[in-house]
Amino acid sequence: MYFFDAVERSAKEVAPGIRIRTHWGERMLISDVELDPNAVLPEHSHPHEQAGVMIQGTMTLTVEGETRSLKAGESYLIPGDVSHRAVAGPEGARVIDVFSPVREDYKY
């Protein structure tokens, strides 16, 4: 399969107020992420590299103790095994994340 429509994909809640819609190949996974206003993704780490682009709203992202406020059009790169957390802004946020290798726990 070469093309995907996130709207047609059912959402999976990964934390309170945070839903993903994912698609994957052999070596990477793409995740369309919706965050409700002020939703919190607790601090965590995983072995996967993670790259993301803000699509809508705002989000405060903390990576290894460095915190930035992000808005639509801005991006980030988180190396594998690096601690990070996120808090959506008051209007919520939408983010596109890419993981490599594929996160098996995000395949559904």
N, C-alpha and C. Protein backbone atom coordinates (compact mmCIF):
# COMPACT_ATOMS: atom_id res chain seq x y z
N MET A 1 0.85 -1.18 0.00
CA MET A 1 0.00 0.00 0.00
C MET A 1 0.89 1.24 0.00
N TYR A 2 0.55 2.20 -0.84
CA TYR A 2 1.36 3.40 -0.99
C TYR A 2 0.73 4.66 -0.40
N PHE A 3 -0.58 4.69 -0.25
CA PHE A 3 -1.27 5.90 0.18
C PHE A 3 -2.19 5.61 1.36
N PHE A 4 -2.31 6.61 2.25
CA PHE A 4 -3.11 6.44 3.46
C PHE A 4 -3.92 7.71 3.72
N ASP A 5 -5.08 7.56 4.33
CA ASP A 5 -5.91 8.68 4.73
C ASP A 5 -6.15 8.54 6.23
N ALA A 6 -5.54 9.43 7.01
CA ALA A 6 -5.65 9.35 8.47
C ALA A 6 -7.10 9.43 8.93
N VAL A 7 -7.95 10.15 8.21
CA VAL A 7 -9.34 10.30 8.60
C VAL A 7 -10.06 8.95 8.59
N GLU A 8 -9.66 8.08 7.69
CA GLU A 8 -10.29 6.76 7.59
C GLU A 8 -9.75 5.76 8.61
N ARG A 9 -8.68 6.10 9.31
CA ARG A 9 -8.05 5.21 10.28
C ARG A 9 -8.63 5.47 11.65
N SER A 10 -9.00 4.43 12.37
CA SER A 10 -9.50 4.61 13.73
C SER A 10 -8.36 5.10 14.63
N ALA A 11 -8.72 5.88 15.64
CA ALA A 11 -7.72 6.43 16.56
C ALA A 11 -7.48 5.50 17.73
N LYS A 12 -6.27 5.55 18.27
CA LYS A 12 -5.91 4.79 19.46
C LYS A 12 -5.43 5.79 20.52
N GLU A 13 -6.03 5.73 21.71
CA GLU A 13 -5.60 6.63 22.79
C GLU A 13 -4.35 6.06 23.45
N VAL A 14 -3.27 6.87 23.48
CA VAL A 14 -2.01 6.42 24.07
C VAL A 14 -1.76 7.04 25.44
N ALA A 15 -2.50 8.09 25.77
CA ALA A 15 -2.48 8.73 27.09
C ALA A 15 -3.78 9.53 27.16
N PRO A 16 -4.24 9.90 28.35
CA PRO A 16 -5.49 10.65 28.43
C PRO A 16 -5.46 11.90 27.55
N GLY A 17 -6.41 11.99 26.62
CA GLY A 17 -6.50 13.15 25.75
C GLY A 17 -5.53 13.17 24.59
N ILE A 18 -4.84 12.04 24.34
CA ILE A 18 -3.86 11.97 23.24
C ILE A 18 -4.16 10.74 22.40
N ARG A 19 -4.46 10.99 21.12
CA ARG A 19 -4.83 9.91 20.20
C ARG A 19 -3.89 9.89 19.00
N ILE A 20 -3.61 8.69 18.51
CA ILE A 20 -2.76 8.53 17.34
C ILE A 20 -3.50 7.76 16.25
N ARG A 21 -3.08 8.00 15.02
CA ARG A 21 -3.49 7.21 13.86
C ARG A 21 -2.18 6.89 13.14
N THR A 22 -1.86 5.61 13.01
CA THR A 22 -0.55 5.24 12.49
C THR A 22 -0.62 4.42 11.21
N HIS A 23 0.47 4.49 10.46
CA HIS A 23 0.72 3.68 9.27
C HIS A 23 2.20 3.37 9.28
N TRP A 24 2.60 2.21 8.74
CA TRP A 24 4.00 1.82 8.84
C TRP A 24 4.43 0.99 7.64
N GLY A 25 5.75 0.99 7.47
CA GLY A 25 6.40 0.14 6.48
C GLY A 25 7.34 -0.80 7.21
N GLU A 26 8.41 -1.19 6.57
CA GLU A 26 9.36 -2.11 7.19
C GLU A 26 10.28 -1.43 8.20
N ARG A 27 10.66 -0.16 7.95
CA ARG A 27 11.67 0.48 8.79
C ARG A 27 11.24 1.79 9.45
N MET A 28 10.03 2.25 9.18
CA MET A 28 9.56 3.47 9.84
C MET A 28 8.05 3.45 10.01
N LEU A 29 7.59 4.27 10.94
CA LEU A 29 6.17 4.39 11.25
C LEU A 29 5.83 5.88 11.30
N ILE A 30 4.70 6.26 10.72
CA ILE A 30 4.22 7.63 10.79
C ILE A 30 2.97 7.67 11.67
N SER A 31 2.91 8.70 12.51
CA SER A 31 1.81 8.81 13.47
C SER A 31 1.22 10.21 13.39
N ASP A 32 -0.08 10.28 13.12
CA ASP A 32 -0.83 11.53 13.14
C ASP A 32 -1.38 11.64 14.56
N VAL A 33 -0.91 12.63 15.32
CA VAL A 33 -1.21 12.74 16.75
C VAL A 33 -2.12 13.93 17.02
N GLU A 34 -3.21 13.69 17.75
CA GLU A 34 -4.11 14.75 18.19
C GLU A 34 -4.02 14.85 19.71
N LEU A 35 -3.76 16.06 20.20
CA LEU A 35 -3.68 16.30 21.63
C LEU A 35 -4.78 17.26 22.04
N ASP A 36 -5.60 16.87 23.01
CA ASP A 36 -6.63 17.76 23.54
C ASP A 36 -5.97 18.93 24.26
N PRO A 37 -6.71 20.03 24.47
CA PRO A 37 -6.13 21.16 25.21
C PRO A 37 -5.52 20.72 26.54
N ASN A 38 -4.29 21.13 26.77
CA ASN A 38 -3.54 20.89 28.00
C ASN A 38 -3.25 19.42 28.30
N ALA A 39 -3.43 18.54 27.32
CA ALA A 39 -3.12 17.11 27.52
C ALA A 39 -1.63 16.94 27.80
N VAL A 40 -1.31 15.96 28.64
CA VAL A 40 0.08 15.73 29.05
C VAL A 40 0.53 14.34 28.61
N LEU A 41 1.64 14.30 27.89
CA LEU A 41 2.31 13.04 27.59
C LEU A 41 3.43 12.92 28.61
N PRO A 42 3.32 12.00 29.57
CA PRO A 42 4.31 11.91 30.64
C PRO A 42 5.72 11.63 30.12
N GLU A 43 6.69 11.97 30.94
CA GLU A 43 8.09 11.73 30.58
C GLU A 43 8.31 10.24 30.31
N HIS A 44 9.02 9.97 29.24
CA HIS A 44 9.29 8.59 28.83
C HIS A 44 10.47 8.57 27.85
N SER A 45 10.91 7.39 27.51
CA SER A 45 11.91 7.23 26.46
C SER A 45 11.63 5.91 25.75
N HIS A 46 12.20 5.77 24.57
CA HIS A 46 12.07 4.54 23.79
C HIS A 46 13.28 4.44 22.88
N PRO A 47 13.59 3.27 22.40
CA PRO A 47 14.81 3.11 21.59
C PRO A 47 14.71 3.72 20.19
N HIS A 48 13.53 4.14 19.78
CA HIS A 48 13.31 4.64 18.43
C HIS A 48 13.72 6.10 18.29
N GLU A 49 14.28 6.47 17.14
CA GLU A 49 14.43 7.88 16.80
C GLU A 49 13.03 8.41 16.51
N GLN A 50 12.81 9.68 16.84
CA GLN A 50 11.50 10.29 16.64
C GLN A 50 11.70 11.68 16.05
N ALA A 51 11.08 11.91 14.90
CA ALA A 51 11.08 13.24 14.28
C ALA A 51 9.64 13.69 14.21
N GLY A 52 9.39 14.97 14.48
CA GLY A 52 8.03 15.47 14.47
C GLY A 52 7.91 16.85 13.87
N VAL A 53 6.71 17.13 13.35
CA VAL A 53 6.38 18.44 12.80
C VAL A 53 5.05 18.88 13.39
N MET A 54 5.00 20.08 13.92
CA MET A 54 3.77 20.65 14.45
C MET A 54 2.87 21.06 13.27
N ILE A 55 1.62 20.62 13.30
CA ILE A 55 0.68 20.94 12.23
C ILE A 55 -0.30 22.03 12.67
N GLN A 56 -0.80 21.92 13.90
CA GLN A 56 -1.76 22.89 14.44
C GLN A 56 -1.50 23.09 15.92
N GLY A 57 -1.91 24.25 16.42
CA GLY A 57 -1.85 24.51 17.85
C GLY A 57 -0.44 24.74 18.36
N THR A 58 -0.30 24.55 19.67
CA THR A 58 1.01 24.71 20.31
C THR A 58 1.25 23.54 21.26
N MET A 59 2.53 23.35 21.57
CA MET A 59 2.92 22.26 22.47
C MET A 59 4.24 22.65 23.13
N THR A 60 4.36 22.34 24.40
CA THR A 60 5.62 22.51 25.10
C THR A 60 6.29 21.15 25.16
N LEU A 61 7.49 21.06 24.61
CA LEU A 61 8.23 19.81 24.54
C LEU A 61 9.50 19.93 25.37
N THR A 62 9.72 18.96 26.24
CA THR A 62 10.95 18.91 27.03
C THR A 62 11.72 17.67 26.61
N VAL A 63 12.97 17.88 26.18
CA VAL A 63 13.85 16.79 25.76
C VAL A 63 15.13 16.89 26.57
N GLU A 64 15.40 15.86 27.38
CA GLU A 64 16.61 15.83 28.22
C GLU A 64 16.76 17.11 29.03
N GLY A 65 15.65 17.61 29.57
CA GLY A 65 15.69 18.79 30.42
C GLY A 65 15.62 20.12 29.69
N GLU A 66 15.73 20.13 28.36
CA GLU A 66 15.61 21.37 27.58
C GLU A 66 14.17 21.52 27.10
N THR A 67 13.54 22.66 27.43
CA THR A 67 12.14 22.88 27.12
C THR A 67 11.98 23.96 26.06
N ARG A 68 11.09 23.68 25.10
CA ARG A 68 10.77 24.64 24.05
C ARG A 68 9.26 24.67 23.84
N SER A 69 8.74 25.85 23.52
CA SER A 69 7.35 25.99 23.10
C SER A 69 7.35 25.95 21.58
N LEU A 70 6.52 25.06 21.01
CA LEU A 70 6.49 24.86 19.57
C LEU A 70 5.13 25.26 19.00
N LYS A 71 5.14 25.76 17.76
CA LYS A 71 3.92 26.13 17.06
C LYS A 71 3.94 25.52 15.67
N ALA A 72 2.82 25.63 14.96
CA ALA A 72 2.69 25.05 13.62
C ALA A 72 3.87 25.44 12.74
N GLY A 73 4.41 24.44 12.04
CA GLY A 73 5.53 24.65 11.14
C GLY A 73 6.88 24.33 11.74
N GLU A 74 6.96 24.23 13.07
CA GLU A 74 8.23 23.92 13.73
C GLU A 74 8.38 22.41 13.87
N SER A 75 9.61 21.96 13.97
CA SER A 75 9.87 20.52 14.05
C SER A 75 10.89 20.21 15.13
N TYR A 76 11.06 18.91 15.38
CA TYR A 76 11.99 18.45 16.40
C TYR A 76 12.52 17.07 16.02
N LEU A 77 13.64 16.71 16.62
CA LEU A 77 14.24 15.40 16.42
C LEU A 77 14.71 14.91 17.78
N ILE A 78 14.24 13.72 18.18
CA ILE A 78 14.58 13.14 19.47
C ILE A 78 15.33 11.84 19.22
N PRO A 79 16.61 11.76 19.62
CA PRO A 79 17.35 10.50 19.44
C PRO A 79 16.73 9.38 20.27
N GLY A 80 17.02 8.15 19.91
CA GLY A 80 16.56 7.01 20.69
C GLY A 80 17.10 7.04 22.11
N ASP A 81 16.33 6.51 23.04
CA ASP A 81 16.69 6.38 24.45
C ASP A 81 16.89 7.72 25.16
N VAL A 82 16.32 8.79 24.64
CA VAL A 82 16.42 10.11 25.27
C VAL A 82 15.07 10.44 25.92
N SER A 83 15.11 10.86 27.16
CA SER A 83 13.91 11.17 27.93
C SER A 83 13.23 12.44 27.39
N HIS A 84 11.88 12.38 27.27
CA HIS A 84 11.12 13.53 26.79
C HIS A 84 9.68 13.48 27.29
N ARG A 85 9.02 14.65 27.27
CA ARG A 85 7.62 14.77 27.64
C ARG A 85 7.01 15.92 26.86
N ALA A 86 5.68 15.96 26.78
CA ALA A 86 5.00 17.02 26.03
C ALA A 86 3.73 17.44 26.76
N VAL A 87 3.40 18.73 26.61
CA VAL A 87 2.15 19.28 27.14
C VAL A 87 1.53 20.13 26.04
N ALA A 88 0.30 19.80 25.67
CA ALA A 88 -0.40 20.57 24.64
C ALA A 88 -0.77 21.94 25.17
N GLY A 89 -0.85 22.90 24.27
CA GLY A 89 -1.27 24.25 24.63
C GLY A 89 -2.76 24.30 24.90
N PRO A 90 -3.27 25.49 25.27
CA PRO A 90 -4.69 25.62 25.64
C PRO A 90 -5.65 25.36 24.48
N GLU A 91 -5.16 25.41 23.25
CA GLU A 91 -6.01 25.13 22.09
C GLU A 91 -5.81 23.71 21.57
N GLY A 92 -4.96 22.93 22.25
CA GLY A 92 -4.64 21.59 21.78
C GLY A 92 -3.58 21.64 20.71
N ALA A 93 -3.30 20.49 20.10
CA ALA A 93 -2.26 20.43 19.08
C ALA A 93 -2.47 19.24 18.16
N ARG A 94 -1.89 19.34 16.99
CA ARG A 94 -1.83 18.21 16.06
C ARG A 94 -0.40 18.13 15.57
N VAL A 95 0.16 16.92 15.61
CA VAL A 95 1.56 16.69 15.30
C VAL A 95 1.67 15.48 14.38
N ILE A 96 2.63 15.51 13.48
CA ILE A 96 2.98 14.33 12.71
C ILE A 96 4.34 13.86 13.22
N ASP A 97 4.38 12.62 13.72
CA ASP A 97 5.63 12.01 14.21
C ASP A 97 6.03 10.87 13.29
N VAL A 98 7.34 10.71 13.13
CA VAL A 98 7.89 9.57 12.40
C VAL A 98 8.85 8.85 13.33
N PHE A 99 8.73 7.53 13.41
CA PHE A 99 9.58 6.72 14.27
C PHE A 99 10.37 5.72 13.42
N SER A 100 11.62 5.54 13.78
CA SER A 100 12.45 4.52 13.14
C SER A 100 13.34 3.90 14.21
N PRO A 101 13.37 2.58 14.30
CA PRO A 101 12.55 1.63 13.53
C PRO A 101 11.08 1.72 13.95
N VAL A 102 10.27 0.88 13.35
CA VAL A 102 8.83 0.85 13.63
C VAL A 102 8.59 0.57 15.12
N ARG A 103 7.69 1.33 15.73
CA ARG A 103 7.26 1.06 17.11
C ARG A 103 6.19 0.00 17.06
N GLU A 104 6.52 -1.18 17.53
CA GLU A 104 5.55 -2.29 17.52
C GLU A 104 4.32 -1.96 18.36
N ASP A 105 4.49 -1.20 19.45
CA ASP A 105 3.35 -0.86 20.31
C ASP A 105 2.41 0.15 19.66
N TYR A 106 2.81 0.76 18.55
CA TYR A 106 1.95 1.70 17.83
C TYR A 106 1.30 1.06 16.61
N LYS A 107 1.56 -0.21 16.37
CA LYS A 107 0.90 -0.94 15.29
C LYS A 107 -0.41 -1.51 15.84
N TYR A 108 -1.51 -1.17 15.23
CA TYR A 108 -2.82 -1.66 15.67
C TYR A 108 -3.75 -1.77 14.50
